[in-house]
Amino acid sequence: MRLLALSLKIFLFLLLLGFAAKNSETVSVRYPMGLEWQAPLSLVLLIVFALGMLFGLLGCSRHLFKNRREIRRLRSSAGQADSAKPI
């Protein structure tokens, strides 16, 4: 199983490396007020993907923390109910 996971990781890395090599042309990203940034297309795509993941995680983090708090509360109340049972 470990060998399969390692093989998949190596394949994915080589696939992404080939993608980056094929998309190495420089692109211009233009911002308001005349600002401009030039970088390889693969780097721009990687940054946009990472920012999208970050915003997605931030968007659902409130819900995740709320659920963790609820689970902790339910586990503690279940533990108290178990200790209150007569033997």
PDB file of N, CA and C in Angstrom:
ATOM      1  N   MET A   1       0.822  -1.185   0.000  1.00  0.00           N
ATOM      2  CA  MET A   1       0.000   0.000   0.000  1.00  0.00           C
ATOM      3  C   MET A   1       0.875   1.262   0.000  1.00  0.00           C
ATOM      4  N   ARG A   2       1.952   1.208   0.781  1.00  0.00           N
ATOM      5  CA  ARG A   2       2.860   2.364   0.822  1.00  0.00           C
ATOM      6  C   ARG A   2       3.520   2.589  -0.539  1.00  0.00           C
ATOM      7  N   LEU A   3       3.843   1.479  -1.204  1.00  0.00           N
ATOM      8  CA  LEU A   3       4.474   1.583  -2.520  1.00  0.00           C
ATOM      9  C   LEU A   3       3.516   2.210  -3.530  1.00  0.00           C
ATOM     10  N   LEU A   4       2.250   1.850  -3.448  1.00  0.00           N
ATOM     11  CA  LEU A   4       1.247   2.427  -4.336  1.00  0.00           C
ATOM     12  C   LEU A   4       1.090   3.928  -4.079  1.00  0.00           C
ATOM     13  N   ALA A   5       1.051   4.313  -2.816  1.00  0.00           N
ATOM     14  CA  ALA A   5       0.928   5.730  -2.474  1.00  0.00           C
ATOM     15  C   ALA A   5       2.156   6.512  -2.944  1.00  0.00           C
ATOM     16  N   LEU A   6       3.329   5.948  -2.760  1.00  0.00           N
ATOM     17  CA  LEU A   6       4.554   6.610  -3.208  1.00  0.00           C
ATOM     18  C   LEU A   6       4.578   6.735  -4.730  1.00  0.00           C
ATOM     19  N   SER A   7       4.161   5.696  -5.421  1.00  0.00           N
ATOM     20  CA  SER A   7       4.115   5.737  -6.881  1.00  0.00           C
ATOM     21  C   SER A   7       3.151   6.816  -7.368  1.00  0.00           C
ATOM     22  N   LEU A   8       2.008   6.912  -6.716  1.00  0.00           N
ATOM     23  CA  LEU A   8       1.027   7.933  -7.084  1.00  0.00           C
ATOM     24  C   LEU A   8       1.570   9.336  -6.841  1.00  0.00           C
ATOM     25  N   LYS A   9       2.261   9.534  -5.736  1.00  0.00           N
ATOM     26  CA  LYS A   9       2.850  10.841  -5.438  1.00  0.00           C
ATOM     27  C   LYS A   9       3.913  11.213  -6.468  1.00  0.00           C
ATOM     28  N   ILE A  10       4.760  10.256  -6.831  1.00  0.00           N
ATOM     29  CA  ILE A  10       5.806  10.521  -7.824  1.00  0.00           C
ATOM     30  C   ILE A  10       5.174  10.842  -9.176  1.00  0.00           C
ATOM     31  N   PHE A  11       4.147  10.080  -9.572  1.00  0.00           N
ATOM     32  CA  PHE A  11       3.463  10.336 -10.833  1.00  0.00           C
ATOM     33  C   PHE A  11       2.839  11.729 -10.846  1.00  0.00           C
ATOM     34  N   LEU A  12       2.168  12.108  -9.767  1.00  0.00           N
ATOM     35  CA  LEU A  12       1.539  13.420  -9.677  1.00  0.00           C
ATOM     36  C   LEU A  12       2.590  14.530  -9.734  1.00  0.00           C
ATOM     37  N   PHE A  13       3.706  14.337  -9.035  1.00  0.00           N
ATOM     38  CA  PHE A  13       4.781  15.327  -9.065  1.00  0.00           C
ATOM     39  C   PHE A  13       5.323  15.499 -10.485  1.00  0.00           C
ATOM     40  N   LEU A  14       5.570  14.389 -11.171  1.00  0.00           N
ATOM     41  CA  LEU A  14       6.102  14.475 -12.536  1.00  0.00           C
ATOM     42  C   LEU A  14       5.086  15.104 -13.489  1.00  0.00           C
ATOM     43  N   LEU A  15       3.815  14.817 -13.283  1.00  0.00           N
ATOM     44  CA  LEU A  15       2.774  15.421 -14.100  1.00  0.00           C
ATOM     45  C   LEU A  15       2.746  16.937 -13.909  1.00  0.00           C
ATOM     46  N   LEU A  16       2.798  17.381 -12.669  1.00  0.00           N
ATOM     47  CA  LEU A  16       2.797  18.821 -12.392  1.00  0.00           C
ATOM     48  C   LEU A  16       4.096  19.488 -12.848  1.00  0.00           C
ATOM     49  N   LEU A  17       5.199  18.784 -12.738  1.00  0.00           N
ATOM     50  CA  LEU A  17       6.469  19.320 -13.221  1.00  0.00           C
ATOM     51  C   LEU A  17       6.431  19.506 -14.736  1.00  0.00           C
ATOM     52  N   GLY A  18       5.867  18.539 -15.454  1.00  0.00           N
ATOM     53  CA  GLY A  18       5.721  18.665 -16.896  1.00  0.00           C
ATOM     54  C   GLY A  18       4.792  19.812 -17.263  1.00  0.00           C
ATOM     55  N   PHE A  19       3.704  19.982 -16.491  1.00  0.00           N
ATOM     56  CA  PHE A  19       2.784  21.095 -16.720  1.00  0.00           C
ATOM     57  C   PHE A  19       3.497  22.429 -16.546  1.00  0.00           C
ATOM     58  N   ALA A  20       4.298  22.537 -15.492  1.00  0.00           N
ATOM     59  CA  ALA A  20       5.026  23.783 -15.237  1.00  0.00           C
ATOM     60  C   ALA A  20       6.051  24.058 -16.336  1.00  0.00           C
ATOM     61  N   ALA A  21       6.696  23.013 -16.830  1.00  0.00           N
ATOM     62  CA  ALA A  21       7.693  23.198 -17.887  1.00  0.00           C
ATOM     63  C   ALA A  21       7.038  23.633 -19.198  1.00  0.00           C
ATOM     64  N   LYS A  22       5.850  23.102 -19.480  1.00  0.00           N
ATOM     65  CA  LYS A  22       5.156  23.458 -20.723  1.00  0.00           C
ATOM     66  C   LYS A  22       4.524  24.846 -20.658  1.00  0.00           C
ATOM     67  N   ASN A  23       4.265  25.360 -19.468  1.00  0.00           N
ATOM     68  CA  ASN A  23       3.605  26.662 -19.306  1.00  0.00           C
ATOM     69  C   ASN A  23       4.546  27.667 -18.634  1.00  0.00           C
ATOM     70  N   SER A  24       5.718  27.786 -19.191  1.00  0.00           N
ATOM     71  CA  SER A  24       6.710  28.677 -18.582  1.00  0.00           C
ATOM     72  C   SER A  24       6.740  30.063 -19.215  1.00  0.00           C
ATOM     73  N   GLU A  25       5.806  30.343 -20.135  1.00  0.00           N
ATOM     74  CA  GLU A  25       5.778  31.668 -20.750  1.00  0.00           C
ATOM     75  C   GLU A  25       5.451  32.725 -19.699  1.00  0.00           C
ATOM     76  N   THR A  26       6.011  33.895 -19.890  1.00  0.00           N
ATOM     77  CA  THR A  26       5.763  34.990 -18.957  1.00  0.00           C
ATOM     78  C   THR A  26       4.432  35.648 -19.295  1.00  0.00           C
ATOM     79  N   VAL A  27       3.626  35.862 -18.244  1.00  0.00           N
ATOM     80  CA  VAL A  27       2.349  36.549 -18.415  1.00  0.00           C
ATOM     81  C   VAL A  27       2.367  37.797 -17.545  1.00  0.00           C
ATOM     82  N   SER A  28       1.550  38.766 -17.935  1.00  0.00           N
ATOM     83  CA  SER A  28       1.443  40.003 -17.165  1.00  0.00           C
ATOM     84  C   SER A  28       0.129  40.008 -16.413  1.00  0.00           C
ATOM     85  N   VAL A  29       0.201  40.267 -15.134  1.00  0.00           N
ATOM     86  CA  VAL A  29      -0.995  40.426 -14.311  1.00  0.00           C
ATOM     87  C   VAL A  29      -1.094  41.913 -14.013  1.00  0.00           C
ATOM     88  N   ARG A  30      -2.181  42.532 -14.474  1.00  0.00           N
ATOM     89  CA  ARG A  30      -2.343  43.973 -14.337  1.00  0.00           C
ATOM     90  C   ARG A  30      -3.307  44.286 -13.205  1.00  0.00           C
ATOM     91  N   TYR A  31      -2.920  45.219 -12.376  1.00  0.00           N
ATOM     92  CA  TYR A  31      -3.710  45.673 -11.243  1.00  0.00           C
ATOM     93  C   TYR A  31      -4.187  47.097 -11.500  1.00  0.00           C
ATOM     94  N   PRO A  32      -5.156  47.572 -10.706  1.00  0.00           N
ATOM     95  CA  PRO A  32      -5.589  48.972 -10.837  1.00  0.00           C
ATOM     96  C   PRO A  32      -4.423  49.938 -10.570  1.00  0.00           C
ATOM     97  N   MET A  33      -4.553  51.128 -11.014  1.00  0.00           N
ATOM     98  CA  MET A  33      -3.571  52.218 -10.856  1.00  0.00           C
ATOM     99  C   MET A  33      -2.268  51.924 -11.587  1.00  0.00           C
ATOM    100  N   GLY A  34      -2.340  51.152 -12.667  1.00  0.00           N
ATOM    101  CA  GLY A  34      -1.179  50.949 -13.518  1.00  0.00           C
ATOM    102  C   GLY A  34      -0.141  49.972 -13.003  1.00  0.00           C
ATOM    103  N   LEU A  35      -0.419  49.254 -11.936  1.00  0.00           N
ATOM    104  CA  LEU A  35       0.546  48.270 -11.430  1.00  0.00           C
ATOM    105  C   LEU A  35       0.505  47.017 -12.293  1.00  0.00           C
ATOM    106  N   GLU A  36       1.669  46.415 -12.484  1.00  0.00           N
ATOM    107  CA  GLU A  36       1.766  45.223 -13.324  1.00  0.00           C
ATOM    108  C   GLU A  36       2.802  44.283 -12.741  1.00  0.00           C
ATOM    109  N   TRP A  37       2.511  42.991 -12.792  1.00  0.00           N
ATOM    110  CA  TRP A  37       3.428  41.969 -12.283  1.00  0.00           C
ATOM    111  C   TRP A  37       3.612  40.935 -13.367  1.00  0.00           C
ATOM    112  N   GLN A  38       4.850  40.599 -13.684  1.00  0.00           N
ATOM    113  CA  GLN A  38       5.145  39.602 -14.705  1.00  0.00           C
ATOM    114  C   GLN A  38       5.752  38.375 -14.041  1.00  0.00           C
ATOM    115  N   ALA A  39       5.189  37.202 -14.382  1.00  0.00           N
ATOM    116  CA  ALA A  39       5.659  35.947 -13.803  1.00  0.00           C
ATOM    117  C   ALA A  39       5.305  34.815 -14.757  1.00  0.00           C
ATOM    118  N   PRO A  40       5.935  33.653 -14.601  1.00  0.00           N
ATOM    119  CA  PRO A  40       5.566  32.499 -15.433  1.00  0.00           C
ATOM    120  C   PRO A  40       4.111  32.089 -15.175  1.00  0.00           C
ATOM    121  N   LEU A  41       3.456  31.604 -16.209  1.00  0.00           N
ATOM    122  CA  LEU A  41       2.049  31.221 -16.113  1.00  0.00           C
ATOM    123  C   LEU A  41       1.831  30.151 -15.044  1.00  0.00           C
ATOM    124  N   SER A  42       2.723  29.180 -14.953  1.00  0.00           N
ATOM    125  CA  SER A  42       2.555  28.113 -13.961  1.00  0.00           C
ATOM    126  C   SER A  42       2.608  28.669 -12.534  1.00  0.00           C
ATOM    127  N   LEU A  43       3.441  29.668 -12.286  1.00  0.00           N
ATOM    128  CA  LEU A  43       3.517  30.267 -10.964  1.00  0.00           C
ATOM    129  C   LEU A  43       2.241  31.039 -10.644  1.00  0.00           C
ATOM    130  N   VAL A  44       1.720  31.771 -11.616  1.00  0.00           N
ATOM    131  CA  VAL A  44       0.480  32.514 -11.407  1.00  0.00           C
ATOM    132  C   VAL A  44      -0.664  31.548 -11.106  1.00  0.00           C
ATOM    133  N   LEU A  45      -0.746  30.442 -11.852  1.00  0.00           N
ATOM    134  CA  LEU A  45      -1.792  29.445 -11.603  1.00  0.00           C
ATOM    135  C   LEU A  45      -1.651  28.817 -10.227  1.00  0.00           C
ATOM    136  N   LEU A  46      -0.426  28.530  -9.816  1.00  0.00           N
ATOM    137  CA  LEU A  46      -0.193  27.944  -8.491  1.00  0.00           C
ATOM    138  C   LEU A  46      -0.620  28.906  -7.384  1.00  0.00           C
ATOM    139  N   ILE A  47      -0.296  30.172  -7.526  1.00  0.00           N
ATOM    140  CA  ILE A  47      -0.663  31.170  -6.518  1.00  0.00           C
ATOM    141  C   ILE A  47      -2.180  31.336  -6.450  1.00  0.00           C
ATOM    142  N   VAL A  48      -2.838  31.391  -7.597  1.00  0.00           N
ATOM    143  CA  VAL A  48      -4.296  31.532  -7.614  1.00  0.00           C
ATOM    144  C   VAL A  48      -4.958  30.304  -6.989  1.00  0.00           C
ATOM    145  N   PHE A  49      -4.448  29.113  -7.280  1.00  0.00           N
ATOM    146  CA  PHE A  49      -4.979  27.879  -6.688  1.00  0.00           C
ATOM    147  C   PHE A  49      -4.803  27.884  -5.176  1.00  0.00           C
ATOM    148  N   ALA A  50      -3.614  28.277  -4.703  1.00  0.00           N
ATOM    149  CA  ALA A  50      -3.351  28.308  -3.261  1.00  0.00           C
ATOM    150  C   ALA A  50      -4.242  29.339  -2.562  1.00  0.00           C
ATOM    151  N   LEU A  51      -4.435  30.501  -3.174  1.00  0.00           N
ATOM    152  CA  LEU A  51      -5.308  31.507  -2.584  1.00  0.00           C
ATOM    153  C   LEU A  51      -6.758  31.031  -2.543  1.00  0.00           C
ATOM    154  N   GLY A  52      -7.193  30.329  -3.578  1.00  0.00           N
ATOM    155  CA  GLY A  52      -8.539  29.779  -3.593  1.00  0.00           C
ATOM    156  C   GLY A  52      -8.744  28.766  -2.481  1.00  0.00           C
ATOM    157  N   MET A  53      -7.744  27.907  -2.268  1.00  0.00           N
ATOM    158  CA  MET A  53      -7.838  26.934  -1.167  1.00  0.00           C
ATOM    159  C   MET A  53      -7.855  27.639   0.182  1.00  0.00           C
ATOM    160  N   LEU A  54      -7.029  28.667   0.339  1.00  0.00           N
ATOM    161  CA  LEU A  54      -6.979  29.405   1.593  1.00  0.00           C
ATOM    162  C   LEU A  54      -8.317  30.072   1.896  1.00  0.00           C
ATOM    163  N   PHE A  55      -8.894  30.739   0.904  1.00  0.00           N
ATOM    164  CA  PHE A  55     -10.190  31.390   1.111  1.00  0.00           C
ATOM    165  C   PHE A  55     -11.286  30.362   1.382  1.00  0.00           C
ATOM    166  N   GLY A  56     -11.223  29.217   0.734  1.00  0.00           N
ATOM    167  CA  GLY A  56     -12.196  28.164   0.988  1.00  0.00           C
ATOM    168  C   GLY A  56     -12.101  27.628   2.407  1.00  0.00           C
ATOM    169  N   LEU A  57     -10.872  27.409   2.880  1.00  0.00           N
ATOM    170  CA  LEU A  57     -10.683  26.943   4.256  1.00  0.00           C
ATOM    171  C   LEU A  57     -11.116  27.990   5.274  1.00  0.00           C
ATOM    172  N   LEU A  58     -10.811  29.241   4.990  1.00  0.00           N
ATOM    173  CA  LEU A  58     -11.249  30.304   5.895  1.00  0.00           C
ATOM    174  C   LEU A  58     -12.767  30.414   5.913  1.00  0.00           C
ATOM    175  N   GLY A  59     -13.390  30.197   4.764  1.00  0.00           N
ATOM    176  CA  GLY A  59     -14.838  30.283   4.686  1.00  0.00           C
ATOM    177  C   GLY A  59     -15.545  29.199   5.479  1.00  0.00           C
ATOM    178  N   CYS A  60     -14.966  28.009   5.540  1.00  0.00           N
ATOM    179  CA  CYS A  60     -15.626  26.916   6.265  1.00  0.00           C
ATOM    180  C   CYS A  60     -15.055  26.730   7.671  1.00  0.00           C
ATOM    181  N   SER A  61     -14.072  27.511   8.075  1.00  0.00           N
ATOM    182  CA  SER A  61     -13.452  27.310   9.388  1.00  0.00           C
ATOM    183  C   SER A  61     -14.426  27.593  10.530  1.00  0.00           C
ATOM    184  N   ARG A  62     -15.288  28.569  10.381  1.00  0.00           N
ATOM    185  CA  ARG A  62     -16.265  28.860  11.433  1.00  0.00           C
ATOM    186  C   ARG A  62     -17.165  27.660  11.669  1.00  0.00           C
ATOM    187  N   HIS A  63     -17.613  27.056  10.594  1.00  0.00           N
ATOM    188  CA  HIS A  63     -18.477  25.882  10.696  1.00  0.00           C
ATOM    189  C   HIS A  63     -17.725  24.708  11.335  1.00  0.00           C
ATOM    190  N   LEU A  64     -16.457  24.505  10.953  1.00  0.00           N
ATOM    191  CA  LEU A  64     -15.664  23.420  11.520  1.00  0.00           C
ATOM    192  C   LEU A  64     -15.445  23.607  13.020  1.00  0.00           C
ATOM    193  N   PHE A  65     -15.109  24.822  13.443  1.00  0.00           N
ATOM    194  CA  PHE A  65     -14.890  25.070  14.861  1.00  0.00           C
ATOM    195  C   PHE A  65     -16.176  24.911  15.662  1.00  0.00           C
ATOM    196  N   LYS A  66     -17.290  25.320  15.075  1.00  0.00           N
ATOM    197  CA  LYS A  66     -18.578  25.156  15.739  1.00  0.00           C
ATOM    198  C   LYS A  66     -18.884  23.669  15.940  1.00  0.00           C
ATOM    199  N   ASN A  67     -18.627  22.850  14.911  1.00  0.00           N
ATOM    200  CA  ASN A  67     -18.870  21.414  15.024  1.00  0.00           C
ATOM    201  C   ASN A  67     -17.945  20.767  16.048  1.00  0.00           C
ATOM    202  N   ARG A  68     -16.689  21.171  16.093  1.00  0.00           N
ATOM    203  CA  ARG A  68     -15.749  20.606  17.083  1.00  0.00           C
ATOM    204  C   ARG A  68     -16.187  20.938  18.498  1.00  0.00           C
ATOM    205  N   ARG A  69     -16.641  22.175  18.695  1.00  0.00           N
ATOM    206  CA  ARG A  69     -17.124  22.577  20.008  1.00  0.00           C
ATOM    207  C   ARG A  69     -18.330  21.735  20.423  1.00  0.00           C
ATOM    208  N   GLU A  70     -19.237  21.502  19.484  1.00  0.00           N
ATOM    209  CA  GLU A  70     -20.438  20.689  19.750  1.00  0.00           C
ATOM    210  C   GLU A  70     -20.062  19.247  20.085  1.00  0.00           C
ATOM    211  N   ILE A  71     -19.114  18.681  19.346  1.00  0.00           N
ATOM    212  CA  ILE A  71     -18.670  17.310  19.609  1.00  0.00           C
ATOM    213  C   ILE A  71     -18.037  17.217  20.989  1.00  0.00           C
ATOM    214  N   ARG A  72     -17.205  18.189  21.343  1.00  0.00           N
ATOM    215  CA  ARG A  72     -16.573  18.198  22.664  1.00  0.00           C
ATOM    216  C   ARG A  72     -17.631  18.268  23.770  1.00  0.00           C
ATOM    217  N   ARG A  73     -18.646  19.109  23.574  1.00  0.00           N
ATOM    218  CA  ARG A  73     -19.720  19.243  24.555  1.00  0.00           C
ATOM    219  C   ARG A  73     -20.506  17.941  24.686  1.00  0.00           C
ATOM    220  N   LEU A  74     -20.818  17.308  23.569  1.00  0.00           N
ATOM    221  CA  LEU A  74     -21.569  16.054  23.600  1.00  0.00           C
ATOM    222  C   LEU A  74     -20.770  14.928  24.236  1.00  0.00           C
ATOM    223  N   ARG A  75     -19.464  14.881  23.955  1.00  0.00           N
ATOM    224  CA  ARG A  75     -18.630  13.839  24.579  1.00  0.00           C
ATOM    225  C   ARG A  75     -18.548  14.031  26.093  1.00  0.00           C
ATOM    226  N   SER A  76     -18.430  15.272  26.523  1.00  0.00           N
ATOM    227  CA  SER A  76     -18.343  15.495  27.974  1.00  0.00           C
ATOM    228  C   SER A  76     -19.684  15.177  28.642  1.00  0.00           C
ATOM    229  N   SER A  77     -20.790  15.507  27.999  1.00  0.00           N
ATOM    230  CA  SER A  77     -22.089  15.161  28.599  1.00  0.00           C
ATOM    231  C   SER A  77     -22.328  13.663  28.565  1.00  0.00           C
ATOM    232  N   ALA A  78     -21.832  12.957  27.554  1.00  0.00           N
ATOM    233  CA  ALA A  78     -21.961  11.498  27.514  1.00  0.00           C
ATOM    234  C   ALA A  78     -21.091  10.872  28.589  1.00  0.00           C
ATOM    235  N   GLY A  79     -19.936  11.437  28.846  1.00  0.00           N
ATOM    236  CA  GLY A  79     -19.061  10.935  29.914  1.00  0.00           C
ATOM    237  C   GLY A  79     -19.680  11.136  31.286  1.00  0.00           C
ATOM    238  N   GLN A  80     -20.361  12.239  31.482  1.00  0.00           N
ATOM    239  CA  GLN A  80     -21.026  12.491  32.757  1.00  0.00           C
ATOM    240  C   GLN A  80     -22.217  11.562  32.933  1.00  0.00           C
ATOM    241  N   ALA A  81     -22.930  11.256  31.837  1.00  0.00           N
ATOM    242  CA  ALA A  81     -24.066  10.358  31.918  1.00  0.00           C
ATOM    243  C   ALA A  81     -23.596   8.939  32.246  1.00  0.00           C
ATOM    244  N   ASP A  82     -22.454   8.517  31.706  1.00  0.00           N
ATOM    245  CA  ASP A  82     -21.922   7.191  32.004  1.00  0.00           C
ATOM    246  C   ASP A  82     -21.486   7.077  33.454  1.00  0.00           C
ATOM    247  N   SER A  83     -20.910   8.138  34.005  1.00  0.00           N
ATOM    248  CA  SER A  83     -20.447   8.076  35.386  1.00  0.00           C
ATOM    249  C   SER A  83     -21.617   8.164  36.376  1.00  0.00           C
ATOM    250  N   ALA A  84     -22.765   8.662  35.940  1.00  0.00           N
ATOM    251  CA  ALA A  84     -23.914   8.783  36.826  1.00  0.00           C
ATOM    252  C   ALA A  84     -24.721   7.494  36.907  1.00  0.00           C
ATOM    253  N   LYS A  85     -24.474   6.507  36.038  1.00  0.00           N
ATOM    254  CA  LYS A  85     -25.226   5.255  36.058  1.00  0.00           C
ATOM    255  C   LYS A  85     -24.828   4.428  37.282  1.00  0.00           C
ATOM    256  N   PRO A  86     -25.827   3.834  37.949  1.00  0.00           N
ATOM    257  CA  PRO A  86     -25.476   2.952  39.072  1.00  0.00           C
ATOM    258  C   PRO A  86     -24.935   1.625  38.558  1.00  0.00           C
ATOM    259  N   ILE A  87     -24.009   1.063  39.305  1.00  0.00           N
ATOM    260  CA  ILE A  87     -23.382  -0.189  38.892  1.00  0.00           C
ATOM    261  C   ILE A  87     -24.116  -1.370  39.428  1.00  0.00           C
TER     262      ILE A  87
END
